[in-house]
C-alpha atoms as a PDB file:
ATOM      1  CA  MET A   1      -6.348  22.508   0.952  1.00  0.00           C
ATOM      2  CA  LEU A   2      -4.856  19.641   2.960  1.00  0.00           C
ATOM      3  CA  SER A   3      -1.814  18.502   1.004  1.00  0.00           C
ATOM      4  CA  ILE A   4      -0.329  15.024   1.522  1.00  0.00           C
ATOM      5  CA  LYS A   5       2.950  14.356  -0.268  1.00  0.00           C
ATOM      6  CA  SER A   6       4.928  11.088  -0.477  1.00  0.00           C
ATOM      7  CA  LEU A   7       3.620  10.029   2.943  1.00  0.00           C
ATOM      8  CA  SER A   8       5.078   6.826   4.378  1.00  0.00           C
ATOM      9  CA  TYR A   9       5.054   5.292   7.838  1.00  0.00           C
ATOM     10  CA  HIS A  10       6.208   2.144   9.604  1.00  0.00           C
ATOM     11  CA  TYR A  11       6.208   0.879  13.172  1.00  0.00           C
ATOM     12  CA  LYS A  12       9.002  -1.604  12.429  1.00  0.00           C
ATOM     13  CA  PRO A  13      11.853  -1.010   9.927  1.00  0.00           C
ATOM     14  CA  ASN A  14      11.233  -2.459   6.462  1.00  0.00           C
ATOM     15  CA  ARG A  15       7.554  -3.125   7.279  1.00  0.00           C
ATOM     16  CA  ASN A  16       5.678  -0.133   5.966  1.00  0.00           C
ATOM     17  CA  ILE A  17       2.113   0.434   7.113  1.00  0.00           C
ATOM     18  CA  LEU A  18       1.655   3.271   4.607  1.00  0.00           C
ATOM     19  CA  TRP A  19       3.679   3.796   1.465  1.00  0.00           C
ATOM     20  CA  ASN A  20       4.078   6.883  -0.746  1.00  0.00           C
ATOM     21  CA  ILE A  21       0.593   8.324  -0.327  1.00  0.00           C
ATOM     22  CA  ASN A  22      -0.200  11.485  -2.287  1.00  0.00           C
ATOM     23  CA  SER A  23      -3.496  13.331  -2.135  1.00  0.00           C
ATOM     24  CA  ASP A  24      -4.949  16.837  -2.003  1.00  0.00           C
ATOM     25  CA  LEU A  25      -8.113  17.190   0.073  1.00  0.00           C
ATOM     26  CA  LYS A  26     -10.122  20.258  -0.870  1.00  0.00           C
ATOM     27  CA  PRO A  27     -12.552  22.276   1.284  1.00  0.00           C
ATOM     28  CA  GLY A  28     -16.256  21.811   0.758  1.00  0.00           C
ATOM     29  CA  ASN A  29     -16.029  18.028   0.433  1.00  0.00           C
ATOM     30  CA  ILE A  30     -16.834  14.979   2.534  1.00  0.00           C
ATOM     31  CA  TYR A  31     -14.213  12.307   1.855  1.00  0.00           C
ATOM     32  CA  GLY A  32     -14.792   8.617   2.460  1.00  0.00           C
ATOM     33  CA  LEU A  33     -11.691   6.627   3.485  1.00  0.00           C
ATOM     34  CA  LEU A  34     -12.221   2.896   2.991  1.00  0.00           C
ATOM     35  CA  GLY A  35      -9.979  -0.121   3.464  1.00  0.00           C
ATOM     36  CA  LEU A  36      -9.839  -3.572   4.985  1.00  0.00           C
ATOM     37  CA  ASN A  37      -8.762  -4.065   8.599  1.00  0.00           C
ATOM     38  CA  GLY A  38      -5.064  -3.392   9.059  1.00  0.00           C
ATOM     39  CA  GLU A  39      -4.652  -1.291   5.930  1.00  0.00           C
ATOM     40  CA  GLY A  40      -3.574   1.760   7.952  1.00  0.00           C
ATOM     41  CA  LYS A  41      -6.649   3.996   7.916  1.00  0.00           C
ATOM     42  CA  THR A  42      -6.337   4.978  11.585  1.00  0.00           C
ATOM     43  CA  THR A  43      -2.573   5.430  11.215  1.00  0.00           C
ATOM     44  CA  PHE A  44      -3.265   7.711   8.258  1.00  0.00           C
ATOM     45  CA  LEU A  45      -5.630   9.876  10.328  1.00  0.00           C
ATOM     46  CA  LYS A  46      -3.153  10.035  13.210  1.00  0.00           C
ATOM     47  CA  LEU A  47      -0.432  11.190  10.823  1.00  0.00           C
ATOM     48  CA  ILE A  48      -2.685  13.942   9.506  1.00  0.00           C
ATOM     49  CA  VAL A  49      -3.589  15.247  12.966  1.00  0.00           C
ATOM     50  CA  GLY A  50       0.019  15.068  14.192  1.00  0.00           C
ATOM     51  CA  MET A  51      -0.315  12.227  16.705  1.00  0.00           C
ATOM     52  CA  LEU A  52       2.283  10.343  14.652  1.00  0.00           C
ATOM     53  CA  ILE A  53       5.278  11.749  12.751  1.00  0.00           C
ATOM     54  CA  PRO A  54       5.803  10.618   9.121  1.00  0.00           C
ATOM     55  CA  LYS A  55       8.857   8.510   8.393  1.00  0.00           C
ATOM     56  CA  ASP A  56       8.865  10.107   4.942  1.00  0.00           C
ATOM     57  CA  GLY A  57       6.792  12.773   3.251  1.00  0.00           C
ATOM     58  CA  THR A  58       4.662  15.592   4.617  1.00  0.00           C
ATOM     59  CA  VAL A  59       1.137  16.579   5.599  1.00  0.00           C
ATOM     60  CA  GLU A  60       0.508  20.321   5.253  1.00  0.00           C
ATOM     61  CA  TYR A  61      -2.449  22.597   5.878  1.00  0.00           C
ATOM     62  CA  ASN A  62      -2.499  26.393   5.615  1.00  0.00           C
ATOM     63  CA  GLY A  63       1.304  26.585   5.532  1.00  0.00           C
ATOM     64  CA  HIS A  64       1.810  24.373   8.599  1.00  0.00           C
ATOM     65  CA  LEU A  65       3.224  20.834   8.725  1.00  0.00           C
ATOM     66  CA  SER A  66       1.546  18.206  10.888  1.00  0.00           C
ATOM     67  CA  SER A  67       4.956  17.061  12.126  1.00  0.00           C
ATOM     68  CA  LYS A  68       5.651  20.463  13.724  1.00  0.00           C
ATOM     69  CA  ARG A  69       2.452  20.292  15.824  1.00  0.00           C
ATOM     70  CA  ALA A  70       2.102  24.064  15.812  1.00  0.00           C
ATOM     71  CA  SER A  71      -0.860  25.434  17.762  1.00  0.00           C
ATOM     72  CA  GLU A  72      -2.237  26.962  14.564  1.00  0.00           C
ATOM     73  CA  TYR A  73      -2.264  23.532  12.916  1.00  0.00           C
ATOM     74  CA  LEU A  74      -3.808  21.766  15.905  1.00  0.00           C
ATOM     75  CA  ASN A  75      -6.505  24.442  16.029  1.00  0.00           C
ATOM     76  CA  ASP A  76      -7.378  23.714  12.388  1.00  0.00           C
ATOM     77  CA  VAL A  77      -7.423  19.899  12.548  1.00  0.00           C
ATOM     78  CA  TYR A  78      -9.635  17.835  14.888  1.00  0.00           C
ATOM     79  CA  PHE A  79      -9.496  14.048  15.236  1.00  0.00           C
ATOM     80  CA  LEU A  80     -12.463  12.005  16.475  1.00  0.00           C
ATOM     81  CA  PRO A  81     -11.132   8.520  17.420  1.00  0.00           C
ATOM     82  CA  ASP A  82     -13.082   5.306  16.952  1.00  0.00           C
ATOM     83  CA  HIS A  83     -14.281   5.189  20.554  1.00  0.00           C
ATOM     84  CA  SER A  84     -15.501   7.807  23.022  1.00  0.00           C
ATOM     85  CA  LYS A  85     -15.044   7.681  26.789  1.00  0.00           C
ATOM     86  CA  LEU A  86     -15.258  11.220  28.085  1.00  0.00           C
ATOM     87  CA  PRO A  87     -14.179  12.661  31.470  1.00  0.00           C
ATOM     88  CA  ASP A  88     -16.472  12.787  34.503  1.00  0.00           C
ATOM     89  CA  LEU A  89     -17.953  16.238  33.914  1.00  0.00           C
ATOM     90  CA  GLY A  90     -21.302  17.821  33.196  1.00  0.00           C
ATOM     91  CA  ILE A  91     -22.093  17.962  29.481  1.00  0.00           C
ATOM     92  CA  GLU A  92     -21.977  21.766  29.267  1.00  0.00           C
ATOM     93  CA  GLN A  93     -18.923  21.909  31.522  1.00  0.00           C
ATOM     94  CA  PHE A  94     -17.129  19.487  29.206  1.00  0.00           C
ATOM     95  CA  GLY A  95     -17.967  21.611  26.154  1.00  0.00           C
ATOM     96  CA  LYS A  96     -16.848  24.892  27.704  1.00  0.00           C
ATOM     97  CA  LEU A  97     -13.667  23.455  29.238  1.00  0.00           C
ATOM     98  CA  TYR A  98     -12.361  21.624  26.176  1.00  0.00           C
ATOM     99  CA  GLY A  99     -13.849  24.048  23.658  1.00  0.00           C
ATOM    100  CA  ALA A 100     -11.502  26.733  25.016  1.00  0.00           C
ATOM    101  CA  PHE A 101      -8.682  25.021  23.090  1.00  0.00           C
ATOM    102  CA  TYR A 102     -10.366  25.718  19.723  1.00  0.00           C
ATOM    103  CA  SER A 103     -10.757  29.291  18.534  1.00  0.00           C
ATOM    104  CA  LYS A 104     -13.870  28.556  16.436  1.00  0.00           C
ATOM    105  CA  TYR A 105     -15.680  26.500  19.049  1.00  0.00           C
ATOM    106  CA  ASP A 106     -19.386  27.385  19.233  1.00  0.00           C
ATOM    107  CA  HIS A 107     -20.978  26.363  22.524  1.00  0.00           C
ATOM    108  CA  GLN A 108     -24.524  26.996  21.329  1.00  0.00           C
ATOM    109  CA  GLN A 109     -23.860  24.761  18.331  1.00  0.00           C
ATOM    110  CA  PHE A 110     -22.621  22.067  20.736  1.00  0.00           C
ATOM    111  CA  VAL A 111     -25.803  22.367  22.804  1.00  0.00           C
ATOM    112  CA  ASP A 112     -27.968  22.310  19.671  1.00  0.00           C
ATOM    113  CA  CYS A 113     -26.313  19.087  18.482  1.00  0.00           C
ATOM    114  CA  ILE A 114     -26.776  17.489  21.908  1.00  0.00           C
ATOM    115  CA  LYS A 115     -30.466  18.331  21.746  1.00  0.00           C
ATOM    116  CA  GLU A 116     -30.696  16.855  18.235  1.00  0.00           C
ATOM    117  CA  PHE A 117     -29.491  13.583  19.760  1.00  0.00           C
ATOM    118  CA  ASN A 118     -32.198  13.871  22.427  1.00  0.00           C
ATOM    119  CA  ILE A 119     -29.760  14.043  25.338  1.00  0.00           C
ATOM    120  CA  PRO A 120     -30.655  16.464  28.188  1.00  0.00           C
ATOM    121  CA  VAL A 121     -27.800  18.977  28.371  1.00  0.00           C
ATOM    122  CA  GLU A 122     -28.026  19.130  32.166  1.00  0.00           C
ATOM    123  CA  ASN A 123     -26.917  15.486  32.426  1.00  0.00           C
ATOM    124  CA  LYS A 124     -23.492  14.474  33.673  1.00  0.00           C
ATOM    125  CA  LEU A 125     -21.305  12.349  31.450  1.00  0.00           C
ATOM    126  CA  LYS A 126     -20.912   9.601  34.065  1.00  0.00           C
ATOM    127  CA  ALA A 127     -24.663   8.980  33.847  1.00  0.00           C
ATOM    128  CA  LEU A 128     -24.548   8.349  30.079  1.00  0.00           C
ATOM    129  CA  SER A 129     -24.161   5.106  28.168  1.00  0.00           C
ATOM    130  CA  LEU A 130     -21.208   4.557  25.843  1.00  0.00           C
ATOM    131  CA  GLY A 131     -23.492   5.276  22.874  1.00  0.00           C
ATOM    132  CA  GLN A 132     -24.506   8.595  24.434  1.00  0.00           C
ATOM    133  CA  HIS A 133     -20.849   9.425  25.065  1.00  0.00           C
ATOM    134  CA  ARG A 134     -20.367   8.945  21.342  1.00  0.00           C
ATOM    135  CA  LYS A 135     -23.165  11.401  20.557  1.00  0.00           C
ATOM    136  CA  VAL A 136     -21.676  14.018  22.897  1.00  0.00           C
ATOM    137  CA  HIS A 137     -18.239  13.559  21.366  1.00  0.00           C
ATOM    138  CA  LEU A 138     -19.629  13.857  17.835  1.00  0.00           C
ATOM    139  CA  SER A 139     -21.465  17.029  18.854  1.00  0.00           C
ATOM    140  CA  PHE A 140     -18.282  18.498  20.292  1.00  0.00           C
ATOM    141  CA  ALA A 141     -16.229  17.573  17.223  1.00  0.00           C
ATOM    142  CA  LEU A 142     -18.681  19.379  14.948  1.00  0.00           C
ATOM    143  CA  ALA A 143     -18.942  22.401  17.264  1.00  0.00           C
ATOM    144  CA  CYS A 144     -15.171  22.941  17.280  1.00  0.00           C
ATOM    145  CA  ASN A 145     -15.631  24.085  13.671  1.00  0.00           C
ATOM    146  CA  SER A 146     -12.108  23.028  12.752  1.00  0.00           C
ATOM    147  CA  ALA A 147     -11.210  23.448   9.102  1.00  0.00           C
ATOM    148  CA  VAL A 148     -10.366  19.726   8.912  1.00  0.00           C
ATOM    149  CA  LEU A 149     -12.464  17.166  10.796  1.00  0.00           C
ATOM    150  CA  LEU A 150     -11.132  13.602  10.803  1.00  0.00           C
ATOM    151  CA  MET A 151     -13.565  10.905  11.953  1.00  0.00           C
ATOM    152  CA  ASP A 152     -12.606   7.287  12.628  1.00  0.00           C
ATOM    153  CA  GLU A 153     -15.676   5.004  12.570  1.00  0.00           C
ATOM    154  CA  PRO A 154     -17.963   7.854  13.685  1.00  0.00           C
ATOM    155  CA  THR A 155     -21.123   5.716  13.748  1.00  0.00           C
ATOM    156  CA  ASN A 156     -19.687   3.228  16.269  1.00  0.00           C
ATOM    157  CA  GLY A 157     -22.187   2.831  19.092  1.00  0.00           C
ATOM    158  CA  LEU A 158     -24.993   4.746  17.369  1.00  0.00           C
ATOM    159  CA  ASP A 159     -28.461   3.268  17.000  1.00  0.00           C
ATOM    160  CA  ILE A 160     -30.345   3.563  13.714  1.00  0.00           C
ATOM    161  CA  PRO A 161     -32.195   6.842  14.508  1.00  0.00           C
ATOM    162  CA  SER A 162     -28.945   8.404  15.757  1.00  0.00           C
ATOM    163  CA  LYS A 163     -27.162   7.494  12.529  1.00  0.00           C
ATOM    164  CA  ALA A 164     -29.822   9.440  10.630  1.00  0.00           C
ATOM    165  CA  ILE A 165     -29.318  12.425  12.965  1.00  0.00           C
ATOM    166  CA  PHE A 166     -25.555  12.197  12.460  1.00  0.00           C
ATOM    167  CA  ARG A 167     -25.974  12.315   8.671  1.00  0.00           C
ATOM    168  CA  LYS A 168     -28.279  15.314   9.044  1.00  0.00           C
ATOM    169  CA  LEU A 169     -25.707  17.155  11.187  1.00  0.00           C
ATOM    170  CA  LEU A 170     -22.854  16.438   8.774  1.00  0.00           C
ATOM    171  CA  THR A 171     -24.887  17.849   5.916  1.00  0.00           C
ATOM    172  CA  LYS A 172     -25.768  20.895   8.000  1.00  0.00           C
ATOM    173  CA  TYR A 173     -22.233  21.758   9.092  1.00  0.00           C
ATOM    174  CA  ILE A 174     -20.141  20.984   6.028  1.00  0.00           C
ATOM    175  CA  ASN A 175     -19.393  24.187   4.150  1.00  0.00           C
ATOM    176  CA  ASP A 176     -17.031  25.608   1.551  1.00  0.00           C
ATOM    177  CA  ASP A 177     -14.311  26.141   4.173  1.00  0.00           C
ATOM    178  CA  ARG A 178     -14.316  22.707   5.818  1.00  0.00           C
ATOM    179  CA  ILE A 179     -12.978  19.254   4.963  1.00  0.00           C
ATOM    180  CA  PHE A 180     -14.592  16.157   6.478  1.00  0.00           C
ATOM    181  CA  LEU A 181     -12.663  12.874   6.203  1.00  0.00           C
ATOM    182  CA  ILE A 182     -14.515   9.757   7.392  1.00  0.00           C
ATOM    183  CA  ALA A 183     -12.781   6.388   7.824  1.00  0.00           C
ATOM    184  CA  THR A 184     -15.346   3.623   8.135  1.00  0.00           C
ATOM    185  CA  HIS A 185     -16.242  -0.014   7.623  1.00  0.00           C
ATOM    186  CA  GLN A 186     -19.930   0.828   7.995  1.00  0.00           C
ATOM    187  CA  ILE A 187     -20.212   2.089   4.430  1.00  0.00           C
ATOM    188  CA  ARG A 188     -24.014   2.042   4.291  1.00  0.00           C
ATOM    189  CA  ASP A 189     -24.200   4.430   7.262  1.00  0.00           C
ATOM    190  CA  VAL A 190     -22.621   7.343   5.390  1.00  0.00           C
ATOM    191  CA  ASP A 191     -22.026   6.473   1.727  1.00  0.00           C
ATOM    192  CA  THR A 192     -24.729   8.857   0.462  1.00  0.00           C
ATOM    193  CA  LEU A 193     -22.773  11.778   1.952  1.00  0.00           C
ATOM    194  CA  PHE A 194     -19.459  11.148   0.205  1.00  0.00           C
ATOM    195  CA  ASP A 195     -18.280  13.569  -2.461  1.00  0.00           C
ATOM    196  CA  HIS A 196     -14.942  11.856  -2.919  1.00  0.00           C
ATOM    197  CA  LEU A 197     -13.669   8.324  -2.387  1.00  0.00           C
ATOM    198  CA  LEU A 198     -10.270   7.221  -1.047  1.00  0.00           C
ATOM    199  CA  ILE A 199      -9.619   3.460  -1.034  1.00  0.00           C
ATOM    200  CA  MET A 200      -6.560   1.889   0.617  1.00  0.00           C
ATOM    201  CA  LYS A 201      -4.984  -1.420  -0.281  1.00  0.00           C
ATOM    202  CA  ASN A 202      -1.612  -2.740   0.886  1.00  0.00           C
ATOM    203  CA  GLY A 203      -0.835   0.591   2.534  1.00  0.00           C
ATOM    204  CA  SER A 204      -1.331   2.686  -0.610  1.00  0.00           C
ATOM    205  CA  LEU A 205      -4.207   4.534  -2.234  1.00  0.00           C
ATOM    206  CA  VAL A 206      -5.627   2.503  -5.111  1.00  0.00           C
ATOM    207  CA  LEU A 207      -8.422   5.014  -5.671  1.00  0.00           C
ATOM    208  CA  ASP A 208      -8.574   8.773  -5.086  1.00  0.00           C
ATOM    209  CA  GLU A 209     -11.452  10.135  -7.127  1.00  0.00           C
ATOM    210  CA  ASN A 210     -14.516  12.355  -7.065  1.00  0.00           C
ATOM    211  CA  ILE A 211     -17.642  10.194  -6.962  1.00  0.00           C
ATOM    212  CA  TYR A 212     -19.403  12.167  -9.697  1.00  0.00           C
ATOM    213  CA  LEU A 213     -16.437  11.611 -12.018  1.00  0.00           C
ATOM    214  CA  LEU A 214     -16.398   7.919 -11.074  1.00  0.00           C
ATOM    215  CA  SER A 215     -20.063   7.688 -12.040  1.00  0.00           C
ATOM    216  CA  LYS A 216     -19.192   9.029 -15.491  1.00  0.00           C
ATOM    217  CA  GLN A 217     -16.298   6.591 -15.938  1.00  0.00           C
ATOM    218  CA  PHE A 218     -17.923   3.371 -14.717  1.00  0.00           C
ATOM    219  CA  ARG A 219     -21.315   1.748 -14.452  1.00  0.00           C
ATOM    220  CA  ILE A 220     -22.651  -1.426 -12.877  1.00  0.00           C
ATOM    221  CA  SER A 221     -24.519  -3.826 -15.124  1.00  0.00           C
ATOM    222  CA  LYS A 222     -26.457  -7.041 -14.633  1.00  0.00           C
ATOM    223  CA  SER A 223     -26.723  -7.799 -18.338  1.00  0.00           C
ATOM    224  CA  PRO A 224     -24.969 -11.031 -19.455  1.00  0.00           C
ATOM    225  CA  MET A 225     -24.057  -9.150 -22.643  1.00  0.00           C
ATOM    226  CA  ASP A 226     -21.588  -7.106 -20.567  1.00  0.00           C
ATOM    227  CA  ALA A 227     -19.794 -10.107 -19.041  1.00  0.00           C
ATOM    228  CA  GLU A 228     -16.935 -10.041 -21.539  1.00  0.00           C
ATOM    229  CA  LEU A 229     -16.404  -6.309 -20.935  1.00  0.00           C
ATOM    230  CA  ALA A 230     -16.366  -6.641 -17.152  1.00  0.00           C
ATOM    231  CA  LEU A 231     -13.458  -5.105 -15.254  1.00  0.00           C
ATOM    232  CA  TYR A 232     -14.764  -6.844 -12.138  1.00  0.00           C
ATOM    233  CA  THR A 233     -17.509  -9.387 -11.500  1.00  0.00           C
ATOM    234  CA  GLN A 234     -19.335  -9.863  -8.214  1.00  0.00           C
ATOM    235  CA  ASP A 235     -21.661 -12.777  -7.597  1.00  0.00           C
ATOM    236  CA  ASP A 236     -24.787 -11.976  -5.627  1.00  0.00           C
ATOM    237  CA  LEU A 237     -27.989 -13.761  -4.645  1.00  0.00           C
ATOM    238  CA  ALA A 238     -29.598 -12.049  -7.610  1.00  0.00           C
ATOM    239  CA  GLY A 239     -26.825 -13.239  -9.920  1.00  0.00           C
ATOM    240  CA  PRO A 240     -23.573 -11.715 -11.180  1.00  0.00           C
ATOM    241  CA  PHE A 241     -23.030  -7.956 -11.415  1.00  0.00           C
ATOM    242  CA  TYR A 242     -20.391  -6.419 -13.676  1.00  0.00           C
ATOM    243  CA  LEU A 243     -18.308  -3.269 -13.423  1.00  0.00           C
ATOM    244  CA  ILE A 244     -17.788  -1.886 -16.918  1.00  0.00           C
ATOM    245  CA  LYS A 245     -16.611   1.324 -18.519  1.00  0.00           C
ATOM    246  CA  ASN A 246     -19.387   3.879 -18.897  1.00  0.00           C
ATOM    247  CA  ASN A 247     -19.051   4.635 -22.584  1.00  0.00           C
ATOM    248  CA  LEU A 248     -22.223   6.741 -22.508  1.00  0.00           C
ATOM    249  CA  GLU A 249     -20.316   9.351 -20.425  1.00  0.00           C
ATOM    250  CA  GLU A 250     -23.504  10.072 -18.531  1.00  0.00           C
ATOM    251  CA  GLU A 251     -23.760   9.957 -14.758  1.00  0.00           C
ATOM    252  CA  SER A 252     -24.656   6.442 -13.577  1.00  0.00           C
ATOM    253  CA  LYS A 253     -25.760   5.171 -10.194  1.00  0.00           C
ATOM    254  CA  LEU A 254     -22.809   3.618  -8.377  1.00  0.00           C
ATOM    255  CA  ASP A 255     -22.830   1.428  -5.298  1.00  0.00           C
ATOM    256  CA  ILE A 256     -19.935   2.507  -3.040  1.00  0.00           C
ATOM    257  CA  GLU A 257     -19.648  -0.909  -1.406  1.00  0.00           C
ATOM    258  CA  PHE A 258     -19.500  -2.554  -4.834  1.00  0.00           C
ATOM    259  CA  MET A 259     -16.794  -0.083  -5.916  1.00  0.00           C
ATOM    260  CA  PHE A 260     -14.806  -0.818  -2.772  1.00  0.00           C
ATOM    261  CA  ASN A 261     -14.958  -4.558  -3.505  1.00  0.00           C
ATOM    262  CA  ALA A 262     -13.929  -3.957  -7.107  1.00  0.00           C
ATOM    263  CA  PHE A 263     -10.819  -1.941  -6.206  1.00  0.00           C
ATOM    264  CA  THR A 264      -9.706  -4.192  -3.344  1.00  0.00           C
ATOM    265  CA  ASN A 265     -10.638  -7.705  -4.539  1.00  0.00           C
ATOM    266  CA  ASN A 266      -9.800  -7.480  -8.222  1.00  0.00           C
ATOM    267  CA  PRO A 267      -6.506  -9.273  -9.020  1.00  0.00           C
ATOM    268  CA  LYS A 268      -5.678  -6.671 -11.677  1.00  0.00           C
ATOM    269  CA  PRO A 269      -5.581  -2.925 -10.932  1.00  0.00           C
ATOM    270  CA  ILE A 270      -8.540  -1.060 -12.401  1.00  0.00           C
ATOM    271  CA  GLU A 271      -7.429   1.849 -14.522  1.00  0.00           C
ATOM    272  CA  LEU A 272      -9.298   5.161 -14.383  1.00  0.00           C
END
């Protein structure tokens, strides 16, 4: 389990980017991290991987703190940034050279992912487009087989077919021992994969909940009869939609983008 306790961070004194974040991320789940621009999603990921040191609080995995940057911790946690510009190497050379830093790196898995993206493995990276660099970097990130994989806008630069391949690969390589955390604005690219939703607002988590449990607590209605019960109302071309409590306690179909809007735009906090 990745344990985050009382995590706070600021670049300038008295101007916190993140404030008192608490969460436990459990293996076997794909977490979606959502928030408006400037809410601190990338800072949050950098704190988890150890690129930044918390001002307060801790991030711990398998008995190791991110702030200590122990080799055991760095071997367990991989961070894919929001852009990919890789060194001037052959594709296989890149995988073998950088994969040596990760004890669970699987070169054949790397090659298999490259082939899924329809990139010839004999190519050199300098001959690839930025979108193809992204595919190689995604393939490498998955093949490192780190226990925790952090991805910042992973679908940046991917065309529509490649986004489908990316979703397929995530589903293939998530397992009971791994945690995937995806920070994204492109919700529709990956929302069907999320098991758990984290939503940031004003530097804090306003939602940290399993999506199945959310679907039992809330439902989205278009019926005017539910207007007075609405916790949040969103106007659409098809008319208003309402977020209401799911008193039936049966799983309902939730729209992740709608839920994000509800928890970030609503003037009053929505209670779980």
